[in-house]
C-alpha atoms as a PDB file:
ATOM      1  CA  MET A   1     -41.238 -30.926  39.424  1.00  0.00           C
ATOM      2  CA  THR A   2     -43.422 -32.895  41.792  1.00  0.00           C
ATOM      3  CA  THR A   3     -47.103 -32.051  41.792  1.00  0.00           C
ATOM      4  CA  LYS A   4     -48.612 -32.198  45.266  1.00  0.00           C
ATOM      5  CA  LEU A   5     -52.048 -33.710  45.528  1.00  0.00           C
ATOM      6  CA  GLU A   6     -52.492 -33.468  49.241  1.00  0.00           C
ATOM      7  CA  SER A   7     -53.991 -30.490  50.951  1.00  0.00           C
ATOM      8  CA  ALA A   8     -52.507 -29.140  54.151  1.00  0.00           C
ATOM      9  CA  PRO A   9     -54.280 -30.198  57.356  1.00  0.00           C
ATOM     10  CA  ARG A  10     -56.406 -27.671  59.123  1.00  0.00           C
ATOM     11  CA  PRO A  11     -54.435 -25.623  61.636  1.00  0.00           C
ATOM     12  CA  GLY A  12     -54.517 -27.144  65.105  1.00  0.00           C
ATOM     13  CA  ARG A  13     -56.516 -30.149  63.977  1.00  0.00           C
ATOM     14  CA  GLY A  14     -53.805 -32.618  63.033  1.00  0.00           C
ATOM     15  CA  ARG A  15     -56.123 -34.418  60.615  1.00  0.00           C
ATOM     16  CA  PRO A  16     -54.533 -36.601  57.938  1.00  0.00           C
ATOM     17  CA  ARG A  17     -54.158 -34.949  54.581  1.00  0.00           C
ATOM     18  CA  THR A  18     -56.704 -35.799  51.923  1.00  0.00           C
ATOM     19  CA  PHE A  19     -55.811 -37.337  48.586  1.00  0.00           C
ATOM     20  CA  ASP A  20     -57.464 -36.072  45.392  1.00  0.00           C
ATOM     21  CA  PRO A  21     -57.943 -39.039  43.019  1.00  0.00           C
ATOM     22  CA  GLU A  22     -59.294 -36.850  40.204  1.00  0.00           C
ATOM     23  CA  ALA A  23     -56.179 -34.677  40.248  1.00  0.00           C
ATOM     24  CA  ALA A  24     -54.071 -37.849  40.254  1.00  0.00           C
ATOM     25  CA  LEU A  25     -55.921 -39.153  37.193  1.00  0.00           C
ATOM     26  CA  ALA A  26     -55.356 -35.854  35.375  1.00  0.00           C
ATOM     27  CA  ILE A  27     -51.627 -36.054  36.058  1.00  0.00           C
ATOM     28  CA  GLY A  28     -51.513 -39.708  35.057  1.00  0.00           C
ATOM     29  CA  GLN A  29     -53.376 -38.905  31.843  1.00  0.00           C
ATOM     30  CA  ARG A  30     -50.778 -36.294  30.950  1.00  0.00           C
ATOM     31  CA  MET A  31     -47.871 -38.637  31.693  1.00  0.00           C
ATOM     32  CA  PHE A  32     -49.271 -41.638  29.823  1.00  0.00           C
ATOM     33  CA  HIS A  33     -50.269 -39.483  26.860  1.00  0.00           C
ATOM     34  CA  GLU A  34     -46.850 -37.899  26.601  1.00  0.00           C
ATOM     35  CA  SER A  35     -44.757 -41.039  27.067  1.00  0.00           C
ATOM     36  CA  GLY A  36     -46.920 -44.134  26.740  1.00  0.00           C
ATOM     37  CA  TYR A  37     -47.871 -46.700  29.370  1.00  0.00           C
ATOM     38  CA  ASP A  38     -44.658 -48.724  29.390  1.00  0.00           C
ATOM     39  CA  ALA A  39     -42.395 -45.681  29.631  1.00  0.00           C
ATOM     40  CA  VAL A  40     -44.106 -44.404  32.787  1.00  0.00           C
ATOM     41  CA  GLY A  41     -42.690 -46.348  35.704  1.00  0.00           C
ATOM     42  CA  LEU A  42     -44.357 -46.591  39.076  1.00  0.00           C
ATOM     43  CA  SER A  43     -41.536 -44.631  40.694  1.00  0.00           C
ATOM     44  CA  ALA A  44     -41.898 -41.718  38.274  1.00  0.00           C
ATOM     45  CA  LEU A  45     -45.663 -41.846  38.609  1.00  0.00           C
ATOM     46  CA  THR A  46     -45.743 -41.779  42.409  1.00  0.00           C
ATOM     47  CA  THR A  47     -43.073 -39.086  42.515  1.00  0.00           C
ATOM     48  CA  GLU A  48     -45.113 -36.879  40.195  1.00  0.00           C
ATOM     49  CA  LEU A  49     -48.248 -37.553  42.204  1.00  0.00           C
ATOM     50  CA  GLY A  50     -46.416 -36.791  45.435  1.00  0.00           C
ATOM     51  CA  ILE A  51     -47.416 -40.038  47.155  1.00  0.00           C
ATOM     52  CA  THR A  52     -45.718 -43.257  48.193  1.00  0.00           C
ATOM     53  CA  PRO A  53     -46.165 -46.561  46.331  1.00  0.00           C
ATOM     54  CA  PRO A  54     -48.214 -48.036  49.221  1.00  0.00           C
ATOM     55  CA  SER A  55     -50.550 -45.027  49.091  1.00  0.00           C
ATOM     56  CA  PHE A  56     -50.839 -45.429  45.327  1.00  0.00           C
ATOM     57  CA  TYR A  57     -51.751 -49.103  45.634  1.00  0.00           C
ATOM     58  CA  ALA A  58     -54.248 -48.323  48.394  1.00  0.00           C
ATOM     59  CA  ALA A  59     -55.929 -45.713  46.195  1.00  0.00           C
ATOM     60  CA  PHE A  60     -55.879 -47.478  42.817  1.00  0.00           C
ATOM     61  CA  GLY A  61     -54.934 -51.127  43.278  1.00  0.00           C
ATOM     62  CA  SER A  62     -52.308 -51.319  40.554  1.00  0.00           C
ATOM     63  CA  LYS A  63     -50.726 -49.340  37.756  1.00  0.00           C
ATOM     64  CA  ALA A  64     -52.972 -51.145  35.246  1.00  0.00           C
ATOM     65  CA  ALA A  65     -56.117 -50.337  37.248  1.00  0.00           C
ATOM     66  CA  PHE A  66     -54.990 -46.720  37.443  1.00  0.00           C
ATOM     67  CA  PHE A  67     -54.427 -46.682  33.686  1.00  0.00           C
ATOM     68  CA  GLN A  68     -57.912 -48.075  33.104  1.00  0.00           C
ATOM     69  CA  ARG A  69     -59.381 -45.200  35.097  1.00  0.00           C
ATOM     70  CA  VAL A  70     -57.221 -42.752  33.149  1.00  0.00           C
ATOM     71  CA  LEU A  71     -58.530 -44.180  29.870  1.00  0.00           C
ATOM     72  CA  GLU A  72     -62.126 -43.863  31.066  1.00  0.00           C
ATOM     73  CA  ARG A  73     -61.474 -40.289  32.149  1.00  0.00           C
ATOM     74  CA  TYR A  74     -59.924 -39.451  28.789  1.00  0.00           C
ATOM     75  CA  ALA A  75     -62.793 -41.013  26.845  1.00  0.00           C
ATOM     76  CA  GLY A  76     -65.292 -39.093  28.931  1.00  0.00           C
ATOM     77  CA  THR A  77     -63.650 -35.707  28.555  1.00  0.00           C
ATOM     78  CA  GLN A  78     -61.844 -35.706  25.195  1.00  0.00           C
ATOM     79  CA  LEU A  79     -64.280 -35.995  22.290  1.00  0.00           C
ATOM     80  CA  ALA A  80     -67.069 -37.091  24.611  1.00  0.00           C
ATOM     81  CA  LEU A  81     -69.450 -38.835  22.217  1.00  0.00           C
ATOM     82  CA  ALA A  82     -72.578 -37.987  24.201  1.00  0.00           C
ATOM     83  CA  GLY A  83     -72.185 -34.346  23.223  1.00  0.00           C
ATOM     84  CA  ILE A  84     -71.597 -35.095  19.540  1.00  0.00           C
ATOM     85  CA  LEU A  85     -73.805 -38.069  18.681  1.00  0.00           C
ATOM     86  CA  VAL A  86     -76.987 -36.344  19.776  1.00  0.00           C
ATOM     87  CA  ALA A  87     -80.302 -38.050  19.061  1.00  0.00           C
ATOM     88  CA  GLY A  88     -81.983 -36.567  16.004  1.00  0.00           C
ATOM     89  CA  ARG A  89     -78.815 -35.019  14.617  1.00  0.00           C
ATOM     90  CA  PRO A  90     -78.157 -35.988  10.973  1.00  0.00           C
ATOM     91  CA  PRO A  91     -75.516 -38.758  10.974  1.00  0.00           C
ATOM     92  CA  VAL A  92     -73.314 -37.163   8.306  1.00  0.00           C
ATOM     93  CA  GLU A  93     -73.259 -33.884  10.213  1.00  0.00           C
ATOM     94  CA  ALA A  94     -72.555 -35.524  13.579  1.00  0.00           C
ATOM     95  CA  LEU A  95     -69.851 -37.881  12.321  1.00  0.00           C
ATOM     96  CA  ALA A  96     -68.159 -35.198  10.231  1.00  0.00           C
ATOM     97  CA  ASP A  97     -68.126 -33.029  13.356  1.00  0.00           C
ATOM     98  CA  LEU A  98     -66.566 -35.904  15.314  1.00  0.00           C
ATOM     99  CA  LEU A  99     -63.798 -36.354  12.734  1.00  0.00           C
ATOM    100  CA  GLU A 100     -62.993 -32.648  12.564  1.00  0.00           C
ATOM    101  CA  ARG A 101     -62.944 -32.303  16.345  1.00  0.00           C
ATOM    102  CA  ALA A 102     -60.673 -35.330  16.531  1.00  0.00           C
ATOM    103  CA  ALA A 103     -58.263 -33.817  13.999  1.00  0.00           C
ATOM    104  CA  ARG A 104     -58.031 -30.640  16.062  1.00  0.00           C
ATOM    105  CA  THR A 105     -57.772 -32.441  19.402  1.00  0.00           C
ATOM    106  CA  TYR A 106     -55.118 -34.920  18.280  1.00  0.00           C
ATOM    107  CA  ALA A 107     -52.762 -32.186  17.063  1.00  0.00           C
ATOM    108  CA  ARG A 108     -53.499 -29.353  19.477  1.00  0.00           C
ATOM    109  CA  ASP A 109     -50.926 -30.189  22.144  1.00  0.00           C
ATOM    110  CA  PRO A 110     -47.504 -30.931  20.616  1.00  0.00           C
ATOM    111  CA  GLU A 111     -46.488 -32.972  23.668  1.00  0.00           C
ATOM    112  CA  ARG A 112     -49.638 -35.086  23.701  1.00  0.00           C
ATOM    113  CA  THR A 113     -50.491 -35.781  20.083  1.00  0.00           C
ATOM    114  CA  GLY A 114     -52.844 -38.467  18.879  1.00  0.00           C
ATOM    115  CA  CYS A 115     -55.550 -40.230  20.846  1.00  0.00           C
ATOM    116  CA  LEU A 116     -54.465 -41.737  24.171  1.00  0.00           C
ATOM    117  CA  VAL A 117     -56.883 -44.641  23.732  1.00  0.00           C
ATOM    118  CA  LEU A 118     -56.123 -45.457  20.093  1.00  0.00           C
ATOM    119  CA  GLU A 119     -52.369 -45.144  20.478  1.00  0.00           C
ATOM    120  CA  ALA A 120     -52.361 -47.364  23.565  1.00  0.00           C
ATOM    121  CA  ALA A 121     -54.494 -49.889  21.695  1.00  0.00           C
ATOM    122  CA  ARG A 122     -51.779 -50.232  19.034  1.00  0.00           C
ATOM    123  CA  GLY A 123     -49.448 -51.827  21.585  1.00  0.00           C
ATOM    124  CA  ASN A 124     -48.484 -55.459  21.950  1.00  0.00           C
ATOM    125  CA  ALA A 125     -51.646 -57.523  21.521  1.00  0.00           C
ATOM    126  CA  GLU A 126     -51.019 -59.343  24.789  1.00  0.00           C
ATOM    127  CA  SER A 127     -50.028 -56.364  26.911  1.00  0.00           C
ATOM    128  CA  GLU A 128     -52.482 -55.419  29.631  1.00  0.00           C
ATOM    129  CA  SER A 129     -52.450 -51.752  28.653  1.00  0.00           C
ATOM    130  CA  ALA A 130     -53.326 -52.508  25.014  1.00  0.00           C
ATOM    131  CA  VAL A 131     -56.137 -54.846  26.054  1.00  0.00           C
ATOM    132  CA  LEU A 132     -57.593 -52.173  28.344  1.00  0.00           C
ATOM    133  CA  ALA A 133     -57.350 -49.544  25.618  1.00  0.00           C
ATOM    134  CA  ARG A 134     -59.008 -51.804  23.056  1.00  0.00           C
ATOM    135  CA  GLU A 135     -61.922 -52.358  25.406  1.00  0.00           C
ATOM    136  CA  VAL A 136     -62.478 -48.606  25.684  1.00  0.00           C
ATOM    137  CA  ALA A 137     -62.057 -48.154  21.920  1.00  0.00           C
ATOM    138  CA  GLN A 138     -64.560 -50.941  21.257  1.00  0.00           C
ATOM    139  CA  ARG A 139     -67.154 -49.338  23.512  1.00  0.00           C
ATOM    140  CA  ARG A 140     -66.749 -46.080  21.611  1.00  0.00           C
ATOM    141  CA  ARG A 141     -67.170 -47.911  18.299  1.00  0.00           C
ATOM    142  CA  GLU A 142     -70.357 -49.455  19.660  1.00  0.00           C
ATOM    143  CA  GLN A 143     -71.635 -45.972  20.526  1.00  0.00           C
ATOM    144  CA  VAL A 144     -71.027 -44.844  16.943  1.00  0.00           C
ATOM    145  CA  ARG A 145     -72.699 -47.949  15.565  1.00  0.00           C
ATOM    146  CA  ALA A 146     -75.764 -47.532  17.788  1.00  0.00           C
ATOM    147  CA  PHE A 147     -76.095 -43.907  16.729  1.00  0.00           C
ATOM    148  CA  VAL A 148     -75.925 -44.737  13.007  1.00  0.00           C
ATOM    149  CA  ALA A 149     -78.209 -47.763  13.361  1.00  0.00           C
ATOM    150  CA  LYS A 150     -81.071 -45.564  14.541  1.00  0.00           C
ATOM    151  CA  SER A 151     -81.416 -44.026  11.082  1.00  0.00           C
ATOM    152  CA  HIS A 152     -79.387 -46.329   8.794  1.00  0.00           C
ATOM    153  CA  PRO A 153     -79.426 -49.833  10.323  1.00  0.00           C
ATOM    154  CA  ARG A 154     -78.117 -51.553   7.205  1.00  0.00           C
ATOM    155  CA  ARG A 155     -75.171 -49.162   6.906  1.00  0.00           C
ATOM    156  CA  ALA A 156     -74.219 -49.054  10.579  1.00  0.00           C
ATOM    157  CA  ASP A 157     -71.368 -51.570  10.371  1.00  0.00           C
ATOM    158  CA  VAL A 158     -69.596 -50.117   7.352  1.00  0.00           C
ATOM    159  CA  VAL A 159     -69.998 -46.533   8.552  1.00  0.00           C
ATOM    160  CA  THR A 160     -68.615 -47.485  11.961  1.00  0.00           C
ATOM    161  CA  ASP A 161     -65.627 -49.131  10.272  1.00  0.00           C
ATOM    162  CA  TYR A 162     -65.103 -46.032   8.145  1.00  0.00           C
ATOM    163  CA  VAL A 163     -65.209 -43.675  11.121  1.00  0.00           C
ATOM    164  CA  SER A 164     -62.967 -45.903  13.259  1.00  0.00           C
ATOM    165  CA  THR A 165     -60.397 -46.267  10.493  1.00  0.00           C
ATOM    166  CA  THR A 166     -60.389 -42.532   9.831  1.00  0.00           C
ATOM    167  CA  LEU A 167     -59.969 -41.722  13.525  1.00  0.00           C
ATOM    168  CA  SER A 168     -57.105 -44.191  13.785  1.00  0.00           C
ATOM    169  CA  GLY A 169     -55.409 -42.650  10.756  1.00  0.00           C
ATOM    170  CA  LEU A 170     -55.823 -39.130  12.113  1.00  0.00           C
ATOM    171  CA  SER A 171     -54.373 -40.185  15.456  1.00  0.00           C
ATOM    172  CA  GLY A 172     -51.403 -41.969  13.921  1.00  0.00           C
ATOM    173  CA  SER A 173     -50.675 -39.071  11.585  1.00  0.00           C
ATOM    174  CA  ALA A 174     -50.821 -36.619  14.488  1.00  0.00           C
ATOM    175  CA  ARG A 175     -48.285 -38.753  16.372  1.00  0.00           C
ATOM    176  CA  GLU A 176     -46.051 -38.635  13.326  1.00  0.00           C
ATOM    177  CA  GLY A 177     -46.169 -34.837  13.339  1.00  0.00           C
ATOM    178  CA  MET A 178     -48.830 -33.931  10.807  1.00  0.00           C
ATOM    179  CA  THR A 179     -50.095 -30.421  11.498  1.00  0.00           C
ATOM    180  CA  GLU A 180     -53.569 -29.591  12.698  1.00  0.00           C
ATOM    181  CA  ALA A 181     -54.351 -27.781   9.425  1.00  0.00           C
ATOM    182  CA  ARG A 182     -53.483 -30.844   7.354  1.00  0.00           C
ATOM    183  CA  LEU A 183     -55.386 -33.194   9.632  1.00  0.00           C
ATOM    184  CA  VAL A 184     -58.467 -30.990   9.463  1.00  0.00           C
ATOM    185  CA  LYS A 185     -58.321 -31.047   5.645  1.00  0.00           C
ATOM    186  CA  VAL A 186     -58.298 -34.839   5.753  1.00  0.00           C
ATOM    187  CA  ALA A 187     -61.191 -34.888   8.210  1.00  0.00           C
ATOM    188  CA  LYS A 188     -63.223 -32.536   6.038  1.00  0.00           C
ATOM    189  CA  ALA A 189     -62.501 -34.641   2.957  1.00  0.00           C
ATOM    190  CA  ALA A 190     -63.767 -37.707   4.823  1.00  0.00           C
ATOM    191  CA  GLU A 191     -67.224 -36.131   4.951  1.00  0.00           C
ATOM    192  CA  ALA A 192     -67.683 -36.994   1.286  1.00  0.00           C
ATOM    193  CA  GLY A 193     -67.123 -40.642   2.140  1.00  0.00           C
ATOM    194  CA  LEU A 194     -69.680 -40.459   4.913  1.00  0.00           C
ATOM    195  CA  SER A 195     -72.204 -38.923   2.534  1.00  0.00           C
ATOM    196  CA  ALA A 196     -71.611 -41.667  -0.010  1.00  0.00           C
ATOM    197  CA  LEU A 197     -71.986 -44.426   2.572  1.00  0.00           C
ATOM    198  CA  LEU A 198     -75.150 -42.947   4.017  1.00  0.00           C
ATOM    199  CA  GLU A 199     -76.945 -42.157   0.755  1.00  0.00           C
END
């Protein structure tokens, strides 16, 4: 079913319809998360958005540029780090919270399991979509590292590696069908590792 993004013109005005980029990004996020970047063709994308390819290119430039904006939107709304890695919060508490939230988020929607960013980053090393996803993932790792470095500068690298590896494992396991309950148990168990690394 096509999702219309254009609002009807005002009666008697004849003004051109307006396009809602944010709604388009939300739809694109759903499609890419469900099927992956390569499986979502431009035709399917523009049909779902209810616009023509020329309108799509005028609004976003390219499919890759659109995907980059989708990734940024996802990173800013799903597990937004600014609301978890709060200054002054104990690192073990904050990072354990991040892992548990990730476990729940990655498994909550059976049609969109795993992390959109991390799963896209697993793609072909040379593919544009994987490169874009890795850039977003790297920025998020740097946020974790900066947060840990404020209180444990010498442990920041290893803790960041630990958190990143755990998140990647949770995402991959969610994609493979592991239940939310099982993922949460793994996330909770990972807190012991955080405590050991941050002693």
